[in-house]
Amino acid sequence: MRDIFNQELQQLGSDLESMASQVATAIERAAESLRHSDIVIAEQVIDADERINDLQRDIDDLCVMLLARQQPVAGDLRNVISALRMAQTLERQGDLARHVAAIARGRYPEPPVPEPILGLILQMADLAVQAGQNVAQLVSSRDLELAAAIQAGDAELDALHRRSFQMILDPAHDMSRQQVIDAVLMGRFLERFGDHSTSVARRVAYLVSGASMPGTHDAQDADALH
């Protein structure tokens, strides 16, 4: 019975790694669609989000089955609950990547916002891409130094997000109402992507060490916001 349980835990870990990898690809391609006004890539990101959603449902089902049938305790219980919550967070990140791609698609063939706002949004997108890649690696390696690096990267994203509001409100940057809306939404989506990356990092840190990473919000706070 224990061998079967271990196999199911391994499957859970494998599904979670696959999901994190797909999310990293989604935000990378969403950024690419934004940078190059590429409608084909944008549509691929939007279509691929359903596969991320399917994986999240599979993980949920497996976690519920493990909890009901195996009734895990101590470290095993922490593994299952952590996987359940991380899958929910990763699914939200997939949605955020889809939202960015949808804006790129909706404004094709023009970029959604003019320079220099676009340049700042692309800087945020690059940081989100790095966060996605780091999370995918972290889920596999459980490297606590990488978890700390993800949190540091989120602080950079937050700073750029604050700067984006200053630029949007600057009357020197003549933008239409639609461009203002797109700029605000893209900044928000990318900032939230970073917050969710930090949530996963804190969840992994707790899973490995049993202690929470320092910060202003805990993992559940970040998970509660979309």
Protein backbone atom coordinates (compact mmCIF):
# COMPACT_ATOMS: atom_id res chain seq x y z
CA MET A 1 0.00 0.00 0.00
CA ARG A 2 2.84 2.37 0.82
CA ASP A 3 4.47 1.67 -2.57
CA ILE A 4 1.27 2.71 -4.34
CA PHE A 5 1.07 5.86 -2.24
CA ASN A 6 4.68 6.75 -3.11
CA GLN A 7 3.96 6.23 -6.80
CA GLU A 8 0.95 8.52 -6.58
CA LEU A 9 3.02 11.17 -4.80
CA GLN A 10 5.61 10.92 -7.58
CA GLN A 11 2.85 11.37 -10.16
CA LEU A 12 1.62 14.40 -8.26
CA GLY A 13 5.10 15.91 -8.33
CA SER A 14 5.49 15.15 -12.03
CA ASP A 15 2.15 16.79 -12.88
CA LEU A 16 3.07 19.85 -10.87
CA GLU A 17 6.42 20.17 -12.66
CA SER A 18 4.67 19.85 -16.03
CA MET A 19 2.17 22.51 -15.07
CA ALA A 20 4.88 24.94 -13.92
CA SER A 21 6.78 24.36 -17.17
CA GLN A 22 3.67 25.07 -19.25
CA VAL A 23 3.01 28.27 -17.31
CA ALA A 24 6.59 29.40 -17.91
CA THR A 25 6.14 28.79 -21.64
CA ALA A 26 2.81 30.63 -21.61
CA ILE A 27 4.17 33.85 -20.12
CA GLU A 28 7.26 33.69 -22.34
CA ARG A 29 5.12 33.43 -25.47
CA ALA A 30 2.67 36.04 -24.21
CA ALA A 31 5.59 38.45 -23.83
CA GLU A 32 6.76 37.53 -27.33
CA SER A 33 3.32 38.20 -28.81
CA LEU A 34 3.30 41.59 -27.10
CA ARG A 35 6.82 42.52 -28.20
CA HIS A 36 6.28 41.59 -31.87
CA SER A 37 2.51 42.14 -32.21
CA ASP A 38 2.29 38.49 -33.24
CA ILE A 39 -1.33 37.36 -33.41
CA VAL A 40 -0.44 33.72 -34.15
CA ILE A 41 1.61 33.35 -30.97
CA ALA A 42 -1.05 35.22 -28.97
CA GLU A 43 -3.71 32.77 -30.11
CA GLN A 44 -1.44 29.83 -29.27
CA VAL A 45 -1.09 31.13 -25.70
CA ILE A 46 -4.85 31.52 -25.37
CA ASP A 47 -5.51 28.02 -26.71
CA ALA A 48 -2.79 26.45 -24.53
CA ASP A 49 -4.36 27.79 -21.35
CA GLU A 50 -6.99 25.06 -21.49
CA ARG A 51 -4.26 22.43 -21.14
CA ILE A 52 -3.00 24.18 -18.01
CA ASN A 53 -6.55 24.18 -16.67
CA ASP A 54 -6.88 20.46 -17.42
CA LEU A 55 -3.69 19.72 -15.50
CA GLN A 56 -4.93 21.72 -12.54
CA ARG A 57 -8.13 19.68 -12.48
CA ASP A 58 -6.12 16.44 -12.67
CA ILE A 59 -3.95 17.54 -9.74
CA ASP A 60 -7.01 18.53 -7.72
CA ASP A 61 -8.60 15.13 -8.34
CA LEU A 62 -5.41 13.28 -7.39
CA CYS A 63 -4.98 15.32 -4.20
CA VAL A 64 -8.57 14.70 -3.13
CA MET A 65 -8.16 10.99 -3.81
CA LEU A 66 -4.95 10.86 -1.77
CA LEU A 67 -6.53 12.70 1.13
CA ALA A 68 -9.63 10.52 1.13
CA ARG A 69 -8.01 7.14 0.51
CA GLN A 70 -4.60 7.42 2.13
CA GLN A 71 -5.34 9.91 4.92
CA PRO A 72 -1.73 11.15 4.94
CA VAL A 73 -0.20 12.75 8.03
CA ALA A 74 2.83 14.94 8.84
CA GLY A 75 5.17 15.46 5.87
CA ASP A 76 3.00 13.56 3.41
CA LEU A 77 -0.02 15.68 4.27
CA ARG A 78 2.04 18.83 3.84
CA ASN A 79 3.15 17.59 0.40
CA VAL A 80 -0.39 16.98 -0.78
CA ILE A 81 -1.85 20.23 0.55
CA SER A 82 1.09 22.22 -0.84
CA ALA A 83 0.65 20.64 -4.27
CA LEU A 84 -3.06 21.43 -4.21
CA ARG A 85 -2.44 25.10 -3.43
CA MET A 86 0.48 25.49 -5.83
CA ALA A 87 -1.61 24.04 -8.66
CA GLN A 88 -4.30 26.64 -7.97
CA THR A 89 -1.69 29.40 -8.04
CA LEU A 90 -0.12 28.14 -11.26
CA GLU A 91 -3.55 27.97 -12.90
CA ARG A 92 -4.05 31.65 -12.07
CA GLN A 93 -0.66 32.46 -13.58
CA GLY A 94 -1.73 30.70 -16.76
CA ASP A 95 -4.84 32.88 -16.83
CA LEU A 96 -2.71 36.01 -16.44
CA ALA A 97 -0.48 35.00 -19.36
CA ARG A 98 -3.63 34.41 -21.42
CA HIS A 99 -4.93 37.89 -20.51
CA VAL A 100 -1.69 39.52 -21.72
CA ALA A 101 -1.86 37.57 -24.97
CA ALA A 102 -5.52 38.52 -25.42
CA ILE A 103 -4.60 42.22 -25.29
CA ALA A 104 -1.84 41.68 -27.85
CA ARG A 105 -4.31 39.85 -30.10
CA GLY A 106 -7.06 42.42 -29.61
CA ARG A 107 -4.89 45.35 -30.77
CA TYR A 108 -3.24 43.54 -33.70
CA PRO A 109 -1.55 44.67 -35.94
CA GLU A 110 -0.64 47.68 -33.79
CA PRO A 111 1.04 47.47 -30.37
CA PRO A 112 -1.51 48.02 -27.61
CA VAL A 113 0.31 51.05 -26.16
CA PRO A 114 2.86 53.54 -27.52
CA GLU A 115 6.43 54.09 -26.42
CA PRO A 116 7.77 54.69 -23.84
CA ILE A 117 4.92 52.93 -22.01
CA LEU A 118 5.39 49.82 -24.15
CA GLY A 119 9.06 49.64 -23.26
CA LEU A 120 8.25 49.68 -19.55
CA ILE A 121 5.55 47.03 -19.96
CA LEU A 122 8.03 44.86 -21.85
CA GLN A 123 10.52 45.25 -18.99
CA MET A 124 7.82 43.97 -16.66
CA ALA A 125 7.09 41.14 -19.07
CA ASP A 126 10.77 40.14 -19.12
CA LEU A 127 10.80 39.97 -15.31
CA ALA A 128 7.61 37.90 -15.37
CA VAL A 129 9.21 35.53 -17.87
CA GLN A 130 12.22 35.13 -15.58
CA ALA A 131 9.91 34.51 -12.64
CA GLY A 132 8.04 31.84 -14.58
CA GLN A 133 11.26 30.09 -15.54
CA ASN A 134 12.52 30.24 -11.97
CA VAL A 135 9.29 28.82 -10.60
CA ALA A 136 9.42 25.92 -13.05
CA GLN A 137 12.97 25.16 -11.92
CA LEU A 138 12.06 25.64 -8.26
CA VAL A 139 9.15 23.18 -8.36
CA SER A 140 11.58 20.57 -9.64
CA SER A 141 14.68 21.40 -7.57
CA ARG A 142 13.19 22.86 -4.35
CA ASP A 143 16.24 25.12 -4.15
CA LEU A 144 15.74 27.61 -1.32
CA GLU A 145 18.23 30.09 -2.82
CA LEU A 146 16.12 30.15 -5.97
CA ALA A 147 13.01 30.72 -3.86
CA ALA A 148 14.68 33.79 -2.34
CA ALA A 149 15.68 35.03 -5.81
CA ILE A 150 12.05 34.81 -6.95
CA GLN A 151 10.97 37.01 -4.08
CA ALA A 152 13.71 39.55 -4.90
CA GLY A 153 12.61 39.62 -8.53
CA ASP A 154 9.06 40.34 -7.46
CA ALA A 155 10.23 43.49 -5.69
CA GLU A 156 11.62 44.72 -9.04
CA LEU A 157 8.30 44.00 -10.73
CA ASP A 158 6.44 45.91 -8.04
CA ALA A 159 8.74 48.91 -8.52
CA LEU A 160 8.16 48.93 -12.28
CA HIS A 161 4.43 48.61 -11.69
CA ARG A 162 4.45 51.74 -9.55
CA ARG A 163 6.47 53.53 -12.19
CA SER A 164 3.97 52.52 -14.87
CA PHE A 165 1.23 54.49 -13.09
CA GLN A 166 3.43 57.58 -13.05
CA MET A 167 4.01 57.28 -16.78
CA ILE A 168 0.35 56.60 -17.58
CA LEU A 169 -0.76 59.65 -15.59
CA ASP A 170 1.89 61.90 -17.18
CA PRO A 171 0.03 64.21 -19.62
CA ALA A 172 3.15 64.24 -21.81
CA HIS A 173 2.24 60.71 -22.91
CA ASP A 174 -0.73 61.20 -25.20
CA MET A 175 -2.80 58.00 -25.12
CA SER A 176 -6.35 57.09 -26.02
CA ARG A 177 -8.73 55.80 -23.38
CA GLN A 178 -8.30 52.28 -24.71
CA GLN A 179 -4.51 52.57 -24.51
CA VAL A 180 -4.74 53.78 -20.92
CA ILE A 181 -6.97 50.82 -20.03
CA ASP A 182 -4.64 48.36 -21.76
CA ALA A 183 -1.57 49.82 -20.05
CA VAL A 184 -3.19 49.60 -16.61
CA LEU A 185 -4.43 46.05 -17.19
CA MET A 186 -1.15 44.73 -18.57
CA GLY A 187 0.77 46.22 -15.69
CA ARG A 188 -1.66 44.66 -13.24
CA PHE A 189 -1.55 41.24 -14.91
CA LEU A 190 2.25 41.14 -14.93
CA GLU A 191 2.50 42.41 -11.35
CA ARG A 192 0.07 39.72 -10.21
CA PHE A 193 2.07 37.09 -12.09
CA GLY A 194 5.08 38.06 -9.97
CA ASP A 195 3.03 37.93 -6.78
CA HIS A 196 1.86 34.41 -7.57
CA SER A 197 5.45 33.38 -8.32
CA THR A 198 6.37 34.54 -4.84
CA SER A 199 3.44 32.58 -3.45
CA VAL A 200 4.80 29.38 -5.00
CA ALA A 201 8.30 30.20 -3.73
CA ARG A 202 7.02 30.61 -0.18
CA ARG A 203 5.00 27.44 -0.43
CA VAL A 204 8.07 25.48 -1.56
CA ALA A 205 10.20 27.05 1.18
CA TYR A 206 7.65 25.98 3.77
CA LEU A 207 7.49 22.51 2.26
CA VAL A 208 11.27 22.09 2.42
CA SER A 209 12.11 23.79 5.72
CA GLY A 210 8.84 23.95 7.60
CA ALA A 211 9.35 27.71 7.98
CA SER A 212 7.84 30.58 6.02
CA MET A 213 9.98 32.95 3.99
CA PRO A 214 10.06 36.52 5.33
CA GLY A 215 7.77 38.97 3.57
CA THR A 216 4.80 41.24 3.93
CA HIS A 217 2.28 38.64 2.80
CA ASP A 218 2.13 34.93 3.31
CA ALA A 219 1.44 32.43 0.53
CA GLN A 220 -2.25 32.25 1.27
CA ASP A 221 -2.58 36.03 0.98
CA ALA A 222 -1.07 35.96 -2.50
CA ASP A 223 -3.19 33.00 -3.51
CA ALA A 224 -6.34 34.77 -2.41
CA LEU A 225 -5.77 37.59 -4.91
CA HIS A 226 -6.20 37.09 -8.67
